[in-house]
Amino acid sequence: IHVDVALYWHQWKLGADGDAAQGSPPSLLDQIG
C-alpha cells in the first residue's frame, strides 16, 4: 500500500512570446523550472 502524490511545476510566463526563438537566453525563472 502506498500513496502516490503527483507533483507539477507552475510558473508565470515572462516576456514576449518568441523571445527564446529570437536567440535570447532562457529567463532565470525558466532555468529554475
PDB file of all heavy atoms in Angstrom:
ATOM      1  N   ILE A   1       0.845  -1.192   0.000  1.00  0.00           N
ATOM      2  CA  ILE A   1       0.000   0.000   0.000  1.00  0.00           C
ATOM      3  C   ILE A   1       0.882   1.244   0.000  1.00  0.00           C
ATOM      4  O   ILE A   1       1.801   1.366   0.807  1.00  0.00           O
ATOM      5  CB  ILE A   1      -0.922   0.026   1.230  1.00  0.00           C
ATOM      6  CG1 ILE A   1      -1.814  -1.215   1.268  1.00  0.00           C
ATOM      7  CG2 ILE A   1      -1.776   1.291   1.220  1.00  0.00           C
ATOM      8  CD1 ILE A   1      -2.777  -1.316   0.110  1.00  0.00           C
ATOM      9  N   HIS A   2       0.600   2.164  -0.891  1.00  0.00           N
ATOM     10  CA  HIS A   2       1.345   3.416  -0.918  1.00  0.00           C
ATOM     11  C   HIS A   2       0.446   4.528  -1.440  1.00  0.00           C
ATOM     12  O   HIS A   2      -0.548   4.281  -2.151  1.00  0.00           O
ATOM     13  CB  HIS A   2       2.602   3.295  -1.789  1.00  0.00           C
ATOM     14  CG  HIS A   2       2.369   2.656  -3.125  1.00  0.00           C
ATOM     15  ND1 HIS A   2       1.813   3.337  -4.200  1.00  0.00           N
ATOM     16  CD2 HIS A   2       2.604   1.398  -3.555  1.00  0.00           C
ATOM     17  CE1 HIS A   2       1.729   2.529  -5.231  1.00  0.00           C
ATOM     18  NE2 HIS A   2       2.190   1.334  -4.884  1.00  0.00           N
ATOM     19  N   VAL A   3       0.779   5.742  -1.070  1.00  0.00           N
ATOM     20  CA  VAL A   3       0.060   6.925  -1.539  1.00  0.00           C
ATOM     21  C   VAL A   3       0.967   7.647  -2.525  1.00  0.00           C
ATOM     22  O   VAL A   3       2.083   8.054  -2.179  1.00  0.00           O
ATOM     23  CB  VAL A   3      -0.300   7.864  -0.369  1.00  0.00           C
ATOM     24  CG1 VAL A   3      -0.983   9.135  -0.894  1.00  0.00           C
ATOM     25  CG2 VAL A   3      -1.203   7.150   0.635  1.00  0.00           C
ATOM     26  N   ASP A   4       0.517   7.785  -3.757  1.00  0.00           N
ATOM     27  CA  ASP A   4       1.291   8.453  -4.800  1.00  0.00           C
ATOM     28  C   ASP A   4       0.769   9.871  -4.998  1.00  0.00           C
ATOM     29  O   ASP A   4      -0.418  10.070  -5.270  1.00  0.00           O
ATOM     30  CB  ASP A   4       1.214   7.683  -6.114  1.00  0.00           C
ATOM     31  CG  ASP A   4       2.048   6.410  -6.089  1.00  0.00           C
ATOM     32  OD1 ASP A   4       2.878   6.266  -5.167  1.00  0.00           O
ATOM     33  OD2 ASP A   4       1.870   5.563  -6.980  1.00  0.00           O
ATOM     34  N   VAL A   5       1.655  10.843  -4.850  1.00  0.00           N
ATOM     35  CA  VAL A   5       1.296  12.258  -4.987  1.00  0.00           C
ATOM     36  C   VAL A   5       1.981  12.818  -6.222  1.00  0.00           C
ATOM     37  O   VAL A   5       3.213  12.917  -6.270  1.00  0.00           O
ATOM     38  CB  VAL A   5       1.713  13.050  -3.736  1.00  0.00           C
ATOM     39  CG1 VAL A   5       1.404  14.538  -3.916  1.00  0.00           C
ATOM     40  CG2 VAL A   5       0.996  12.508  -2.490  1.00  0.00           C
ATOM     41  N   ALA A   6       1.191  13.160  -7.230  1.00  0.00           N
ATOM     42  CA  ALA A   6       1.731  13.731  -8.465  1.00  0.00           C
ATOM     43  C   ALA A   6       2.054  15.205  -8.240  1.00  0.00           C
ATOM     44  O   ALA A   6       1.241  15.965  -7.710  1.00  0.00           O
ATOM     45  CB  ALA A   6       0.731  13.572  -9.605  1.00  0.00           C
ATOM     46  N   LEU A   7       3.253  15.612  -8.638  1.00  0.00           N
ATOM     47  CA  LEU A   7       3.715  16.983  -8.450  1.00  0.00           C
ATOM     48  C   LEU A   7       3.883  17.675  -9.803  1.00  0.00           C
ATOM     49  O   LEU A   7       4.248  17.047 -10.799  1.00  0.00           O
ATOM     50  CB  LEU A   7       5.041  17.002  -7.694  1.00  0.00           C
ATOM     51  CG  LEU A   7       5.022  16.452  -6.263  1.00  0.00           C
ATOM     52  CD1 LEU A   7       6.417  16.456  -5.672  1.00  0.00           C
ATOM     53  CD2 LEU A   7       4.053  17.250  -5.385  1.00  0.00           C
ATOM     54  N   TYR A   8       3.647  18.993  -9.796  1.00  0.00           N
ATOM     55  CA  TYR A   8       3.760  19.813 -11.002  1.00  0.00           C
ATOM     56  C   TYR A   8       4.511  21.097 -10.665  1.00  0.00           C
ATOM     57  O   TYR A   8       4.454  21.588  -9.532  1.00  0.00           O
ATOM     58  CB  TYR A   8       2.374  20.173 -11.555  1.00  0.00           C
ATOM     59  CG  TYR A   8       1.527  18.983 -11.892  1.00  0.00           C
ATOM     60  CD1 TYR A   8       0.765  18.346 -10.913  1.00  0.00           C
ATOM     61  CD2 TYR A   8       1.481  18.471 -13.186  1.00  0.00           C
ATOM     62  CE1 TYR A   8      -0.007  17.231 -11.207  1.00  0.00           C
ATOM     63  CE2 TYR A   8       0.703  17.357 -13.495  1.00  0.00           C
ATOM     64  CZ  TYR A   8      -0.032  16.750 -12.501  1.00  0.00           C
ATOM     65  OH  TYR A   8      -0.798  15.641 -12.798  1.00  0.00           O
ATOM     66  N   TRP A   9       5.212  21.621 -11.645  1.00  0.00           N
ATOM     67  CA  TRP A   9       5.849  22.926 -11.517  1.00  0.00           C
ATOM     68  C   TRP A   9       5.014  23.938 -12.291  1.00  0.00           C
ATOM     69  O   TRP A   9       4.707  23.736 -13.463  1.00  0.00           O
ATOM     70  CB  TRP A   9       7.270  22.898 -12.071  1.00  0.00           C
ATOM     71  CG  TRP A   9       7.881  24.247 -12.286  1.00  0.00           C
ATOM     72  CD1 TRP A   9       8.159  24.850 -13.478  1.00  0.00           C
ATOM     73  CD2 TRP A   9       8.297  25.177 -11.269  1.00  0.00           C
ATOM     74  NE1 TRP A   9       8.716  26.098 -13.273  1.00  0.00           N
ATOM     75  CE2 TRP A   9       8.818  26.326 -11.929  1.00  0.00           C
ATOM     76  CE3 TRP A   9       8.266  25.157  -9.874  1.00  0.00           C
ATOM     77  CZ2 TRP A   9       9.315  27.427 -11.230  1.00  0.00           C
ATOM     78  CZ3 TRP A   9       8.758  26.254  -9.184  1.00  0.00           C
ATOM     79  CH2 TRP A   9       9.272  27.372  -9.856  1.00  0.00           C
ATOM     80  N   HIS A  10       4.626  25.025 -11.614  1.00  0.00           N
ATOM     81  CA  HIS A  10       3.888  26.117 -12.242  1.00  0.00           C
ATOM     82  C   HIS A  10       4.729  27.381 -12.169  1.00  0.00           C
ATOM     83  O   HIS A  10       5.366  27.646 -11.146  1.00  0.00           O
ATOM     84  CB  HIS A  10       2.563  26.378 -11.511  1.00  0.00           C
ATOM     85  CG  HIS A  10       1.546  25.296 -11.650  1.00  0.00           C
ATOM     86  ND1 HIS A  10       0.305  25.507 -12.197  1.00  0.00           N
ATOM     87  CD2 HIS A  10       1.575  23.980 -11.309  1.00  0.00           C
ATOM     88  CE1 HIS A  10      -0.395  24.375 -12.176  1.00  0.00           C
ATOM     89  NE2 HIS A  10       0.368  23.435 -11.635  1.00  0.00           N
ATOM     90  N   GLN A  11       4.693  28.185 -13.218  1.00  0.00           N
ATOM     91  CA  GLN A  11       5.390  29.471 -13.201  1.00  0.00           C
ATOM     92  C   GLN A  11       4.667  30.457 -14.095  1.00  0.00           C
ATOM     93  O   GLN A  11       3.962  30.090 -15.033  1.00  0.00           O
ATOM     94  CB  GLN A  11       6.838  29.324 -13.657  1.00  0.00           C
ATOM     95  CG  GLN A  11       6.989  28.987 -15.138  1.00  0.00           C
ATOM     96  CD  GLN A  11       8.436  28.935 -15.594  1.00  0.00           C
ATOM     97  OE1 GLN A  11       9.180  28.037 -15.170  1.00  0.00           O
ATOM     98  NE2 GLN A  11       8.836  29.866 -16.445  1.00  0.00           N
ATOM     99  N   TRP A  12       4.861  31.748 -13.784  1.00  0.00           N
ATOM    100  CA  TRP A  12       4.305  32.796 -14.626  1.00  0.00           C
ATOM    101  C   TRP A  12       5.080  32.872 -15.922  1.00  0.00           C
ATOM    102  O   TRP A  12       6.290  32.675 -15.958  1.00  0.00           O
ATOM    103  CB  TRP A  12       4.367  34.148 -13.902  1.00  0.00           C
ATOM    104  CG  TRP A  12       3.446  34.239 -12.735  1.00  0.00           C
ATOM    105  CD1 TRP A  12       3.791  34.187 -11.410  1.00  0.00           C
ATOM    106  CD2 TRP A  12       2.023  34.376 -12.770  1.00  0.00           C
ATOM    107  NE1 TRP A  12       2.672  34.286 -10.628  1.00  0.00           N
ATOM    108  CE2 TRP A  12       1.572  34.407 -11.424  1.00  0.00           C
ATOM    109  CE3 TRP A  12       1.096  34.474 -13.806  1.00  0.00           C
ATOM    110  CZ2 TRP A  12       0.231  34.531 -11.110  1.00  0.00           C
ATOM    111  CZ3 TRP A  12      -0.247  34.605 -13.489  1.00  0.00           C
ATOM    112  CH2 TRP A  12      -0.670  34.638 -12.160  1.00  0.00           C
ATOM    113  N   LYS A  13       4.379  33.176 -17.006  1.00  0.00           N
ATOM    114  CA  LYS A  13       5.043  33.455 -18.275  1.00  0.00           C
ATOM    115  C   LYS A  13       5.621  34.863 -18.207  1.00  0.00           C
ATOM    116  O   LYS A  13       4.922  35.809 -17.837  1.00  0.00           O
ATOM    117  CB  LYS A  13       4.042  33.377 -19.434  1.00  0.00           C
ATOM    118  CG  LYS A  13       3.398  32.009 -19.630  1.00  0.00           C
ATOM    119  CD  LYS A  13       2.373  32.072 -20.751  1.00  0.00           C
ATOM    120  CE  LYS A  13       1.624  30.769 -20.913  1.00  0.00           C
ATOM    121  NZ  LYS A  13       0.560  30.853 -21.933  1.00  0.00           N
ATOM    122  N   LEU A  14       6.872  35.001 -18.561  1.00  0.00           N
ATOM    123  CA  LEU A  14       7.534  36.297 -18.521  1.00  0.00           C
ATOM    124  C   LEU A  14       7.995  36.695 -19.913  1.00  0.00           C
ATOM    125  O   LEU A  14       8.464  35.860 -20.684  1.00  0.00           O
ATOM    126  CB  LEU A  14       8.755  36.262 -17.586  1.00  0.00           C
ATOM    127  CG  LEU A  14       8.480  35.912 -16.119  1.00  0.00           C
ATOM    128  CD1 LEU A  14       9.782  35.931 -15.343  1.00  0.00           C
ATOM    129  CD2 LEU A  14       7.488  36.885 -15.499  1.00  0.00           C
ATOM    130  N   GLY A  15       7.892  37.972 -20.225  1.00  0.00           N
ATOM    131  CA  GLY A  15       8.402  38.463 -21.502  1.00  0.00           C
ATOM    132  C   GLY A  15       7.464  38.177 -22.653  1.00  0.00           C
ATOM    133  O   GLY A  15       6.426  37.530 -22.524  1.00  0.00           O
ATOM    134  N   ALA A  16       7.868  38.643 -23.805  1.00  0.00           N
ATOM    135  CA  ALA A  16       7.058  38.464 -25.011  1.00  0.00           C
ATOM    136  C   ALA A  16       7.231  37.064 -25.553  1.00  0.00           C
ATOM    137  O   ALA A  16       8.288  36.462 -25.439  1.00  0.00           O
ATOM    138  CB  ALA A  16       7.468  39.486 -26.073  1.00  0.00           C
ATOM    139  N   ASP A  17       6.181  36.526 -26.158  1.00  0.00           N
ATOM    140  CA  ASP A  17       6.258  35.207 -26.774  1.00  0.00           C
ATOM    141  C   ASP A  17       7.299  35.221 -27.884  1.00  0.00           C
ATOM    142  O   ASP A  17       7.408  36.164 -28.657  1.00  0.00           O
ATOM    143  CB  ASP A  17       4.903  34.804 -27.369  1.00  0.00           C
ATOM    144  CG  ASP A  17       3.856  34.585 -26.292  1.00  0.00           C
ATOM    145  OD1 ASP A  17       4.258  34.358 -25.141  1.00  0.00           O
ATOM    146  OD2 ASP A  17       2.651  34.658 -26.622  1.00  0.00           O
ATOM    147  N   GLY A  18       8.071  34.135 -27.951  1.00  0.00           N
ATOM    148  CA  GLY A  18       9.037  34.005 -29.025  1.00  0.00           C
ATOM    149  C   GLY A  18      10.398  34.560 -28.713  1.00  0.00           C
ATOM    150  O   GLY A  18      11.279  34.542 -29.575  1.00  0.00           O
ATOM    151  N   ASP A  19      10.635  35.091 -27.491  1.00  0.00           N
ATOM    152  CA  ASP A  19      11.949  35.620 -27.152  1.00  0.00           C
ATOM    153  C   ASP A  19      13.033  34.574 -27.315  1.00  0.00           C
ATOM    154  O   ASP A  19      14.107  34.841 -27.831  1.00  0.00           O
ATOM    155  CB  ASP A  19      11.963  36.146 -25.711  1.00  0.00           C
ATOM    156  CG  ASP A  19      11.320  37.532 -25.612  1.00  0.00           C
ATOM    157  OD1 ASP A  19      11.040  38.110 -26.677  1.00  0.00           O
ATOM    158  OD2 ASP A  19      11.129  38.013 -24.487  1.00  0.00           O
ATOM    159  N   ALA A  20      12.748  33.348 -26.835  1.00  0.00           N
ATOM    160  CA  ALA A  20      13.758  32.298 -26.905  1.00  0.00           C
ATOM    161  C   ALA A  20      14.077  31.969 -28.357  1.00  0.00           C
ATOM    162  O   ALA A  20      15.223  31.715 -28.718  1.00  0.00           O
ATOM    163  CB  ALA A  20      13.264  31.043 -26.179  1.00  0.00           C
ATOM    164  N   ALA A  21      13.053  31.994 -29.223  1.00  0.00           N
ATOM    165  CA  ALA A  21      13.281  31.675 -30.631  1.00  0.00           C
ATOM    166  C   ALA A  21      14.152  32.724 -31.305  1.00  0.00           C
ATOM    167  O   ALA A  21      14.822  32.449 -32.293  1.00  0.00           O
ATOM    168  CB  ALA A  21      11.939  31.573 -31.358  1.00  0.00           C
ATOM    169  N   GLN A  22      14.162  33.974 -30.793  1.00  0.00           N
ATOM    170  CA  GLN A  22      14.962  35.032 -31.376  1.00  0.00           C
ATOM    171  C   GLN A  22      16.385  35.040 -30.823  1.00  0.00           C
ATOM    172  O   GLN A  22      17.156  35.950 -31.111  1.00  0.00           O
ATOM    173  CB  GLN A  22      14.294  36.382 -31.124  1.00  0.00           C
ATOM    174  CG  GLN A  22      12.933  36.514 -31.793  1.00  0.00           C
ATOM    175  CD  GLN A  22      12.214  37.781 -31.386  1.00  0.00           C
ATOM    176  OE1 GLN A  22      12.779  38.643 -30.713  1.00  0.00           O
ATOM    177  NE2 GLN A  22      10.962  37.912 -31.798  1.00  0.00           N
ATOM    178  N   GLY A  23      16.726  34.063 -30.038  1.00  0.00           N
ATOM    179  CA  GLY A  23      18.092  33.946 -29.564  1.00  0.00           C
ATOM    180  C   GLY A  23      18.341  34.419 -28.150  1.00  0.00           C
ATOM    181  O   GLY A  23      19.471  34.354 -27.676  1.00  0.00           O
ATOM    182  N   SER A  24      17.322  34.938 -27.467  1.00  0.00           N
ATOM    183  CA  SER A  24      17.512  35.363 -26.086  1.00  0.00           C
ATOM    184  C   SER A  24      17.729  34.151 -25.204  1.00  0.00           C
ATOM    185  O   SER A  24      17.086  33.115 -25.402  1.00  0.00           O
ATOM    186  CB  SER A  24      16.290  36.151 -25.600  1.00  0.00           C
ATOM    187  OG  SER A  24      16.115  37.327 -26.362  1.00  0.00           O
ATOM    188  N   PRO A  25      18.606  34.253 -24.204  1.00  0.00           N
ATOM    189  CA  PRO A  25      18.815  33.116 -23.302  1.00  0.00           C
ATOM    190  C   PRO A  25      17.576  32.878 -22.450  1.00  0.00           C
ATOM    191  O   PRO A  25      16.755  33.783 -22.262  1.00  0.00           O
ATOM    192  CB  PRO A  25      20.003  33.567 -22.446  1.00  0.00           C
ATOM    193  CG  PRO A  25      19.967  35.058 -22.487  1.00  0.00           C
ATOM    194  CD  PRO A  25      19.453  35.409 -23.855  1.00  0.00           C
ATOM    195  N   PRO A  26      17.405  31.671 -21.927  1.00  0.00           N
ATOM    196  CA  PRO A  26      16.247  31.394 -21.066  1.00  0.00           C
ATOM    197  C   PRO A  26      16.253  32.311 -19.847  1.00  0.00           C
ATOM    198  O   PRO A  26      17.313  32.650 -19.317  1.00  0.00           O
ATOM    199  CB  PRO A  26      16.440  29.927 -20.655  1.00  0.00           C
ATOM    200  CG  PRO A  26      17.421  29.369 -21.619  1.00  0.00           C
ATOM    201  CD  PRO A  26      18.282  30.491 -22.065  1.00  0.00           C
ATOM    202  N   SER A  27      15.075  32.719 -19.426  1.00  0.00           N
ATOM    203  CA  SER A  27      14.974  33.542 -18.223  1.00  0.00           C
ATOM    204  C   SER A  27      15.413  32.734 -17.010  1.00  0.00           C
ATOM    205  O   SER A  27      15.454  31.494 -17.041  1.00  0.00           O
ATOM    206  CB  SER A  27      13.539  34.029 -18.032  1.00  0.00           C
ATOM    207  OG  SER A  27      12.696  32.934 -17.673  1.00  0.00           O
ATOM    208  N   LEU A  28      15.737  33.445 -15.930  1.00  0.00           N
ATOM    209  CA  LEU A  28      16.111  32.749 -14.698  1.00  0.00           C
ATOM    210  C   LEU A  28      14.970  31.868 -14.203  1.00  0.00           C
ATOM    211  O   LEU A  28      15.198  30.769 -13.702  1.00  0.00           O
ATOM    212  CB  LEU A  28      16.502  33.760 -13.624  1.00  0.00           C
ATOM    213  CG  LEU A  28      17.868  34.430 -13.787  1.00  0.00           C
ATOM    214  CD1 LEU A  28      18.039  35.533 -12.756  1.00  0.00           C
ATOM    215  CD2 LEU A  28      18.984  33.398 -13.655  1.00  0.00           C
ATOM    216  N   LEU A  29      13.740  32.346 -14.371  1.00  0.00           N
ATOM    217  CA  LEU A  29      12.598  31.551 -13.939  1.00  0.00           C
ATOM    218  C   LEU A  29      12.484  30.281 -14.773  1.00  0.00           C
ATOM    219  O   LEU A  29      12.202  29.197 -14.248  1.00  0.00           O
ATOM    220  CB  LEU A  29      11.317  32.377 -14.036  1.00  0.00           C
ATOM    221  CG  LEU A  29      10.060  31.765 -13.415  1.00  0.00           C
ATOM    222  CD1 LEU A  29      10.274  31.435 -11.941  1.00  0.00           C
ATOM    223  CD2 LEU A  29       8.874  32.707 -13.579  1.00  0.00           C
ATOM    224  N   ASP A  30      12.722  30.403 -16.077  1.00  0.00           N
ATOM    225  CA  ASP A  30      12.727  29.206 -16.926  1.00  0.00           C
ATOM    226  C   ASP A  30      13.832  28.243 -16.499  1.00  0.00           C
ATOM    227  O   ASP A  30      13.652  27.021 -16.507  1.00  0.00           O
ATOM    228  CB  ASP A  30      12.930  29.588 -18.393  1.00  0.00           C
ATOM    229  CG  ASP A  30      11.695  30.230 -19.004  1.00  0.00           C
ATOM    230  OD1 ASP A  30      10.595  30.033 -18.464  1.00  0.00           O
ATOM    231  OD2 ASP A  30      11.840  30.953 -20.016  1.00  0.00           O
ATOM    232  N   GLN A  31      14.989  28.789 -16.141  1.00  0.00           N
ATOM    233  CA  GLN A  31      16.098  27.937 -15.713  1.00  0.00           C
ATOM    234  C   GLN A  31      15.782  27.219 -14.401  1.00  0.00           C
ATOM    235  O   GLN A  31      16.187  26.069 -14.203  1.00  0.00           O
ATOM    236  CB  GLN A  31      17.371  28.767 -15.566  1.00  0.00           C
ATOM    237  CG  GLN A  31      17.907  29.291 -16.885  1.00  0.00           C
ATOM    238  CD  GLN A  31      19.169  30.114 -16.706  1.00  0.00           C
ATOM    239  OE1 GLN A  31      20.122  29.684 -16.066  1.00  0.00           O
ATOM    240  NE2 GLN A  31      19.172  31.316 -17.263  1.00  0.00           N
ATOM    241  N   ILE A  32      15.067  27.894 -13.513  1.00  0.00           N
ATOM    242  CA  ILE A  32      14.639  27.235 -12.278  1.00  0.00           C
ATOM    243  C   ILE A  32      13.720  26.059 -12.612  1.00  0.00           C
ATOM    244  O   ILE A  32      13.882  24.955 -12.086  1.00  0.00           O
ATOM    245  CB  ILE A  32      13.910  28.242 -11.362  1.00  0.00           C
ATOM    246  CG1 ILE A  32      14.889  29.299 -10.845  1.00  0.00           C
ATOM    247  CG2 ILE A  32      13.265  27.513 -10.178  1.00  0.00           C
ATOM    248  CD1 ILE A  32      14.216  30.454 -10.130  1.00  0.00           C
ATOM    249  N   GLY A  33      12.757  26.289 -13.505  1.00  0.00           N
ATOM    250  CA  GLY A  33      11.856  25.213 -13.906  1.00  0.00           C
ATOM    251  C   GLY A  33      12.591  24.059 -14.547  1.00  0.00           C
ATOM    252  O   GLY A  33      12.302  22.884 -14.272  1.00  0.00           O
TER     253      GLY A  33
END
